C-alpha cells in the first residue's frame, strides 16, 4: 500500500517498549533468558526507536512462555561448593554451609518465577552470592554472631526484573552478596 510507512520506519511508543519488557521478563521467569541477557535486552528496549528494533529483541521468545518448578538443595559440610554457569533457580532453593564455603554465581542463572527465594543456612561458614547487573536483590534475616557484607553499590535494578530474595539464618556464618 502506498502512503503507509514500512514497519522498519514506525517509531516505537512507550507502551510498546513496556510490552516488550514484560515479554522479556516473562522469558526470564520461564527460564528462557538469563538475568544478564534480560538486563541487556531491557537496555535495548529502552533505547529502541522503532518497532522493528523492539521486534528484534523479542523475536526468539514465544508469545506465551511457561515456567517449571524444581526445588533444589545444596550443602557444603567442611567442604567447598561452587555453583556457576547456566543454573536454573526455582521458586525456593536451599543452601547449607556447615563449616564450609559456598560460592554461588547467579550471573548466568535463569529464574522460573517472578521471585527466587534462596534460603541460606550458615553455621560458621562463608557463603558468597554474586548477582548480575539489573537484578532486584533483597537480603533478610541473619543469625547470632553472623555477619553480612552487601556490596551492591554497582547494582542498578531494572524495572520488572525478577527478585532474588536471600533469607539468611544460622549462627556465626558470613554472607557476602556482590554485584559484578
Foldseek 3Di string as FASTA:
>chain_A
DPPDDPQQPAFDDPVLLVVLLLLLQQCLLQLNAALLLSVVLNVQSVVGGGVVSSCVSCVVGDPHRAFDADEEEEEAACEEAEDDDAAEAEQEYEYEYHVYEYEAERRNYGYNHLEGEYEYEYEQYEYEYEYEAQEAEAEDEEEALEEEAEAEPVHDHDPSHRYYYYYYYYPNYYYYYHYD
